[in-house]
Amino acid sequence: GSSEAFTSYVRGPLAEELAEPFSRFRVPRAYWAVLAAPLASWELCWVFAITQSGAPIPAVLWVFRRRVAILSLDLIAIKLMVVVCDYFAQPSRLNCVKTSCIWAGLALFLFILWQSWFLLDAAGFISASVASSIIVVTAVIFVGEVWVDLTSLCR
């Protein structure tokens, strides 16, 4: 009955129940496609270039697998950035500093990742199995997220 009990209920259990689905930020799958589109088109340019040069099919498949692995690493880096931004999303006076640090960290992470990839590639350490493993790990990460979403919907 009383208005105080109602206010207490609305501010307490009801507010928590209604806010729970929004407590964790998620990027919708359609946005991942939008994020991946320019990256994928850039990587496909490499594959089409080698195809147009008359390279044999095994070489084209080799380049394609490596390019998909690079695209996968880019998507993992973007996902990591989203998770870090969500983790540090508490409002404070240092929002601008936190955001700048997150972006600088992402830029440094991508620079190190790409330079490591190119150095290992030039040294001959990146084989087709490594590229395939990166692709599989990326698929597992994104399929796992879809599975978590589906199980939360079924509750």
Protein backbone atom coordinates (compact mmCIF):
# COMPACT_ATOMS: atom_id res chain seq x y z
CA GLY A 1 0.00 0.00 0.00
CA SER A 2 1.55 3.28 0.84
CA SER A 3 3.15 5.66 -1.61
CA GLU A 4 6.49 5.24 0.19
CA ALA A 5 6.40 1.46 -0.31
CA PHE A 6 5.53 1.96 -3.98
CA THR A 7 8.38 4.47 -4.44
CA SER A 8 10.76 2.08 -2.71
CA TYR A 9 9.66 -0.77 -4.99
CA VAL A 10 9.99 1.36 -8.15
CA ARG A 11 13.46 2.60 -7.19
CA GLY A 12 14.66 -0.79 -5.98
CA PRO A 13 13.72 -4.18 -7.44
CA LEU A 14 11.70 -2.85 -10.39
CA ALA A 15 14.47 -0.46 -11.48
CA GLU A 16 17.08 -3.22 -11.26
CA GLU A 17 14.90 -5.64 -13.22
CA LEU A 18 14.23 -3.13 -15.99
CA ALA A 19 17.83 -1.89 -16.21
CA GLU A 20 19.44 -5.35 -16.24
CA PRO A 21 19.23 -5.95 -20.01
CA PHE A 22 20.98 -2.60 -20.59
CA SER A 23 23.68 -3.08 -17.99
CA ARG A 24 26.17 -4.41 -20.53
CA PHE A 25 26.77 -2.70 -23.83
CA ARG A 26 26.73 -4.89 -26.93
CA VAL A 27 27.32 -4.01 -30.53
CA PRO A 28 24.49 -5.40 -32.69
CA ARG A 29 25.54 -7.91 -35.32
CA ALA A 30 24.47 -5.65 -38.18
CA TYR A 31 26.96 -3.05 -36.91
CA TRP A 32 29.75 -5.63 -37.00
CA ALA A 33 28.96 -6.09 -40.68
CA VAL A 34 29.15 -2.32 -41.18
CA LEU A 35 32.47 -2.20 -39.29
CA ALA A 36 33.89 -5.11 -41.29
CA ALA A 37 32.79 -3.89 -44.73
CA PRO A 38 35.63 -1.41 -45.42
CA LEU A 39 38.19 -3.74 -43.87
CA ALA A 40 36.93 -6.68 -45.93
CA SER A 41 36.89 -4.65 -49.15
CA TRP A 42 40.49 -3.57 -48.53
CA GLU A 43 41.57 -7.16 -47.92
CA LEU A 44 39.68 -8.37 -51.00
CA CYS A 45 41.60 -5.85 -53.10
CA TRP A 46 44.74 -7.85 -52.35
CA VAL A 47 43.09 -11.10 -53.34
CA PHE A 48 41.70 -9.64 -56.59
CA ALA A 49 45.08 -8.10 -57.41
CA ILE A 50 46.86 -11.40 -57.11
CA THR A 51 44.09 -13.13 -59.06
CA GLN A 52 44.35 -10.56 -61.87
CA SER A 53 48.12 -11.05 -62.01
CA GLY A 54 47.55 -14.64 -63.09
CA ALA A 55 48.73 -16.37 -59.94
CA PRO A 56 47.95 -20.06 -59.56
CA ILE A 57 44.93 -21.09 -57.48
CA PRO A 58 46.98 -22.34 -54.47
CA ALA A 59 48.70 -18.95 -54.24
CA VAL A 60 45.36 -17.12 -54.42
CA LEU A 61 43.95 -19.35 -51.65
CA TRP A 62 47.07 -18.76 -49.58
CA VAL A 63 46.70 -14.97 -49.89
CA PHE A 64 42.95 -15.19 -49.23
CA ARG A 65 43.49 -17.15 -46.02
CA ARG A 66 46.06 -14.65 -44.78
CA ARG A 67 43.85 -11.70 -45.63
CA VAL A 68 40.89 -13.23 -43.78
CA ALA A 69 43.19 -13.78 -40.79
CA ILE A 70 44.19 -10.11 -40.82
CA LEU A 71 40.54 -9.09 -41.04
CA SER A 72 39.80 -11.39 -38.09
CA LEU A 73 42.55 -9.79 -36.01
CA ASP A 74 41.14 -6.35 -36.84
CA LEU A 75 37.68 -7.38 -35.67
CA ILE A 76 39.11 -8.84 -32.46
CA ALA A 77 40.91 -5.54 -31.82
CA ILE A 78 37.67 -3.61 -32.35
CA LYS A 79 35.82 -5.99 -30.02
CA LEU A 80 38.54 -5.56 -27.41
CA MET A 81 38.17 -1.79 -27.70
CA VAL A 82 34.40 -2.04 -27.17
CA VAL A 83 34.91 -4.21 -24.08
CA VAL A 84 37.51 -1.81 -22.65
CA CYS A 85 35.26 1.20 -23.32
CA ASP A 86 32.37 -0.57 -21.61
CA TYR A 87 34.59 -1.44 -18.64
CA PHE A 88 35.72 2.16 -18.15
CA ALA A 89 32.29 3.69 -18.85
CA GLN A 90 31.68 4.95 -15.32
CA PRO A 91 31.14 8.71 -15.43
CA SER A 92 33.94 10.80 -13.99
CA ARG A 93 35.82 14.03 -14.54
CA LEU A 94 38.45 12.17 -16.56
CA ASN A 95 36.18 10.86 -19.34
CA CYS A 96 38.16 12.62 -22.06
CA VAL A 97 41.45 11.28 -20.68
CA LYS A 98 40.08 7.74 -20.40
CA THR A 99 38.74 7.84 -23.95
CA SER A 100 42.03 9.18 -25.29
CA CYS A 101 43.97 6.48 -23.46
CA ILE A 102 41.69 3.77 -24.81
CA TRP A 103 42.12 5.00 -28.38
CA ALA A 104 45.89 5.39 -27.95
CA GLY A 105 46.03 1.88 -26.50
CA LEU A 106 44.06 0.52 -29.45
CA ALA A 107 46.35 2.30 -31.91
CA LEU A 108 49.42 0.93 -30.13
CA PHE A 109 47.90 -2.56 -29.99
CA LEU A 110 47.09 -2.51 -33.72
CA PHE A 111 50.53 -1.13 -34.60
CA ILE A 112 52.29 -3.85 -32.59
CA LEU A 113 49.94 -6.50 -33.99
CA TRP A 114 50.46 -5.47 -37.61
CA GLN A 115 54.22 -5.00 -37.25
CA SER A 116 54.54 -8.38 -35.55
CA TRP A 117 52.47 -9.95 -38.32
CA PHE A 118 54.64 -8.43 -41.04
CA LEU A 119 57.90 -9.29 -39.29
CA LEU A 120 56.85 -12.88 -38.69
CA ASP A 121 55.54 -13.12 -42.24
CA ALA A 122 58.81 -11.79 -43.70
CA ALA A 123 60.77 -14.28 -41.59
CA GLY A 124 58.58 -17.11 -42.85
CA PHE A 125 57.11 -18.00 -39.45
CA ILE A 126 53.45 -17.49 -40.35
CA SER A 127 52.19 -20.60 -42.02
CA ALA A 128 48.79 -21.36 -43.45
CA SER A 129 47.90 -23.22 -40.26
CA VAL A 130 48.57 -20.11 -38.14
CA ALA A 131 46.33 -18.01 -40.37
CA SER A 132 43.64 -20.70 -40.22
CA SER A 133 43.93 -20.86 -36.43
CA ILE A 134 43.38 -17.11 -36.16
CA ILE A 135 40.27 -17.43 -38.31
CA VAL A 136 38.94 -20.27 -36.15
CA VAL A 137 39.60 -18.39 -32.90
CA THR A 138 37.78 -15.34 -34.24
CA ALA A 139 34.84 -17.47 -35.30
CA VAL A 140 34.70 -19.07 -31.85
CA ILE A 141 34.70 -15.65 -30.16
CA PHE A 142 31.84 -14.32 -32.27
CA VAL A 143 29.84 -17.58 -32.24
CA GLY A 144 30.28 -17.74 -28.46
CA GLU A 145 28.83 -14.27 -28.15
CA VAL A 146 25.85 -15.27 -30.29
CA TRP A 147 25.37 -18.36 -28.08
CA VAL A 148 25.38 -16.21 -24.92
CA ASP A 149 22.81 -13.90 -26.50
CA LEU A 150 20.55 -16.81 -27.46
CA THR A 151 20.74 -18.45 -24.05
CA SER A 152 19.91 -15.16 -22.33
CA LEU A 153 16.87 -14.77 -24.56
CA CYS A 154 15.63 -18.25 -23.68
CA ARG A 155 15.59 -17.60 -19.91
